[in-house]
Amino acid sequence: MDWKLVGVTFGAIFLAELGDKTQLATFLMTAKSGSPWAVFLGSSLALVLASLLGVLAGAWLSKLIPPTYLQLGAAAGFVIIGCLMFYQVWRGG
């Protein structure tokens, strides 16, 4: 097991998830339901399943497409989303 990779992955995902819509949704669901452990269990299982799908898709795609191209595609996707968000704010929508 590559523990350095485990640590880097944990740090990146943890920081990316802080304050995002998933965390806000779990915050609101907990406040509304009053059942923090049920919300924790449900949200944890959902994140594990979403991560599993990402790992499986990444493993499959990396056999077909070189990792450099996958990184470029992901970066381009983030840039496009950022530009669309900027444009939406700029035009007042």
C-alpha atoms as a PDB file:
ATOM      1  CA  MET A   1       0.000   0.000   0.000  1.00  0.00           C
ATOM      2  CA  ASP A   2       1.335   3.420  -0.966  1.00  0.00           C
ATOM      3  CA  TRP A   3       0.634   5.367   2.245  1.00  0.00           C
ATOM      4  CA  LYS A   4       1.928   8.620   0.791  1.00  0.00           C
ATOM      5  CA  LEU A   5      -0.677   8.344  -1.982  1.00  0.00           C
ATOM      6  CA  VAL A   6      -3.344   7.514   0.627  1.00  0.00           C
ATOM      7  CA  GLY A   7      -2.415  10.661   2.548  1.00  0.00           C
ATOM      8  CA  VAL A   8      -2.330  12.901  -0.518  1.00  0.00           C
ATOM      9  CA  THR A   9      -5.660  11.527  -1.721  1.00  0.00           C
ATOM     10  CA  PHE A  10      -7.224  11.988   1.704  1.00  0.00           C
ATOM     11  CA  GLY A  11      -5.977  15.574   1.941  1.00  0.00           C
ATOM     12  CA  ALA A  12      -7.108  16.531  -1.546  1.00  0.00           C
ATOM     13  CA  ILE A  13     -10.574  14.993  -1.199  1.00  0.00           C
ATOM     14  CA  PHE A  14     -11.046  16.311   2.332  1.00  0.00           C
ATOM     15  CA  LEU A  15     -10.189  19.873   1.319  1.00  0.00           C
ATOM     16  CA  ALA A  16     -12.293  19.643  -1.843  1.00  0.00           C
ATOM     17  CA  GLU A  17     -15.320  18.466   0.138  1.00  0.00           C
ATOM     18  CA  LEU A  18     -15.156  21.176   2.815  1.00  0.00           C
ATOM     19  CA  GLY A  19     -17.930  23.679   2.329  1.00  0.00           C
ATOM     20  CA  ASP A  20     -19.252  22.113  -0.872  1.00  0.00           C
ATOM     21  CA  LYS A  21     -22.904  21.407  -1.589  1.00  0.00           C
ATOM     22  CA  THR A  22     -22.635  17.869  -0.198  1.00  0.00           C
ATOM     23  CA  GLN A  23     -21.447  19.097   3.171  1.00  0.00           C
ATOM     24  CA  LEU A  24     -24.115  21.785   3.238  1.00  0.00           C
ATOM     25  CA  ALA A  25     -26.783  19.212   2.360  1.00  0.00           C
ATOM     26  CA  THR A  26     -25.689  16.915   5.199  1.00  0.00           C
ATOM     27  CA  PHE A  27     -25.617  19.873   7.560  1.00  0.00           C
ATOM     28  CA  LEU A  28     -29.180  20.798   6.654  1.00  0.00           C
ATOM     29  CA  MET A  29     -30.424  17.189   6.705  1.00  0.00           C
ATOM     30  CA  THR A  30     -28.969  16.703  10.178  1.00  0.00           C
ATOM     31  CA  ALA A  31     -30.495  19.920  11.459  1.00  0.00           C
ATOM     32  CA  LYS A  32     -33.898  19.061  10.006  1.00  0.00           C
ATOM     33  CA  SER A  33     -34.000  15.374  10.951  1.00  0.00           C
ATOM     34  CA  GLY A  34     -32.357  15.494  14.350  1.00  0.00           C
ATOM     35  CA  SER A  35     -30.737  12.126  13.531  1.00  0.00           C
ATOM     36  CA  PRO A  36     -27.052  12.882  13.047  1.00  0.00           C
ATOM     37  CA  TRP A  37     -25.914   9.241  13.009  1.00  0.00           C
ATOM     38  CA  ALA A  38     -28.411   8.239  10.332  1.00  0.00           C
ATOM     39  CA  VAL A  39     -27.360  11.187   8.155  1.00  0.00           C
ATOM     40  CA  PHE A  40     -23.689  10.399   8.808  1.00  0.00           C
ATOM     41  CA  LEU A  41     -24.160   6.770   7.799  1.00  0.00           C
ATOM     42  CA  GLY A  42     -26.143   7.634   4.666  1.00  0.00           C
ATOM     43  CA  SER A  43     -23.773  10.372   3.527  1.00  0.00           C
ATOM     44  CA  SER A  44     -20.706   8.236   4.273  1.00  0.00           C
ATOM     45  CA  LEU A  45     -22.033   5.324   2.235  1.00  0.00           C
ATOM     46  CA  ALA A  46     -22.915   7.688  -0.626  1.00  0.00           C
ATOM     47  CA  LEU A  47     -19.407   9.178  -0.644  1.00  0.00           C
ATOM     48  CA  VAL A  48     -17.833   5.710  -0.547  1.00  0.00           C
ATOM     49  CA  LEU A  49     -19.971   4.561  -3.490  1.00  0.00           C
ATOM     50  CA  ALA A  50     -19.243   7.740  -5.474  1.00  0.00           C
ATOM     51  CA  SER A  51     -15.524   7.275  -4.779  1.00  0.00           C
ATOM     52  CA  LEU A  52     -15.696   3.630  -5.853  1.00  0.00           C
ATOM     53  CA  LEU A  53     -17.311   4.648  -9.138  1.00  0.00           C
ATOM     54  CA  GLY A  54     -14.592   7.268  -9.657  1.00  0.00           C
ATOM     55  CA  VAL A  55     -11.831   4.746  -8.963  1.00  0.00           C
ATOM     56  CA  LEU A  56     -13.341   2.129 -11.265  1.00  0.00           C
ATOM     57  CA  ALA A  57     -13.913   4.657 -14.054  1.00  0.00           C
ATOM     58  CA  GLY A  58     -10.395   6.015 -13.615  1.00  0.00           C
ATOM     59  CA  ALA A  59      -8.854   2.543 -13.738  1.00  0.00           C
ATOM     60  CA  TRP A  60     -10.834   1.676 -16.876  1.00  0.00           C
ATOM     61  CA  LEU A  61     -10.147   4.974 -18.646  1.00  0.00           C
ATOM     62  CA  SER A  62      -6.436   4.888 -17.810  1.00  0.00           C
ATOM     63  CA  LYS A  63      -6.172   1.662 -19.827  1.00  0.00           C
ATOM     64  CA  LEU A  64      -7.638   3.424 -22.866  1.00  0.00           C
ATOM     65  CA  ILE A  65      -6.327   6.974 -22.499  1.00  0.00           C
ATOM     66  CA  PRO A  66      -2.896   8.076 -21.227  1.00  0.00           C
ATOM     67  CA  PRO A  67      -3.103   9.726 -17.766  1.00  0.00           C
ATOM     68  CA  THR A  68      -1.684  12.988 -19.153  1.00  0.00           C
ATOM     69  CA  TYR A  69      -4.679  13.316 -21.476  1.00  0.00           C
ATOM     70  CA  LEU A  70      -7.051  12.502 -18.618  1.00  0.00           C
ATOM     71  CA  GLN A  71      -5.458  15.279 -16.551  1.00  0.00           C
ATOM     72  CA  LEU A  72      -5.741  17.704 -19.460  1.00  0.00           C
ATOM     73  CA  GLY A  73      -9.394  16.757 -19.950  1.00  0.00           C
ATOM     74  CA  ALA A  74     -10.179  17.223 -16.264  1.00  0.00           C
ATOM     75  CA  ALA A  75      -8.350  20.559 -16.190  1.00  0.00           C
ATOM     76  CA  ALA A  76     -10.185  21.727 -19.310  1.00  0.00           C
ATOM     77  CA  GLY A  77     -13.493  20.711 -17.755  1.00  0.00           C
ATOM     78  CA  PHE A  78     -12.786  22.735 -14.618  1.00  0.00           C
ATOM     79  CA  VAL A  79     -11.692  25.754 -16.691  1.00  0.00           C
ATOM     80  CA  ILE A  80     -14.864  25.551 -18.800  1.00  0.00           C
ATOM     81  CA  ILE A  81     -17.080  25.269 -15.717  1.00  0.00           C
ATOM     82  CA  GLY A  82     -15.238  28.201 -14.105  1.00  0.00           C
ATOM     83  CA  CYS A  83     -15.643  30.330 -17.226  1.00  0.00           C
ATOM     84  CA  LEU A  84     -19.348  29.510 -17.434  1.00  0.00           C
ATOM     85  CA  MET A  85     -19.815  30.429 -13.776  1.00  0.00           C
ATOM     86  CA  PHE A  86     -17.879  33.673 -14.254  1.00  0.00           C
ATOM     87  CA  TYR A  87     -19.944  34.534 -17.327  1.00  0.00           C
ATOM     88  CA  GLN A  88     -23.185  33.844 -15.471  1.00  0.00           C
ATOM     89  CA  VAL A  89     -22.176  36.149 -12.609  1.00  0.00           C
ATOM     90  CA  TRP A  90     -20.852  38.807 -14.986  1.00  0.00           C
ATOM     91  CA  ARG A  91     -24.092  38.993 -16.970  1.00  0.00           C
ATOM     92  CA  GLY A  92     -26.084  39.171 -13.753  1.00  0.00           C
ATOM     93  CA  GLY A  93     -27.734  35.757 -13.875  1.00  0.00           C
END
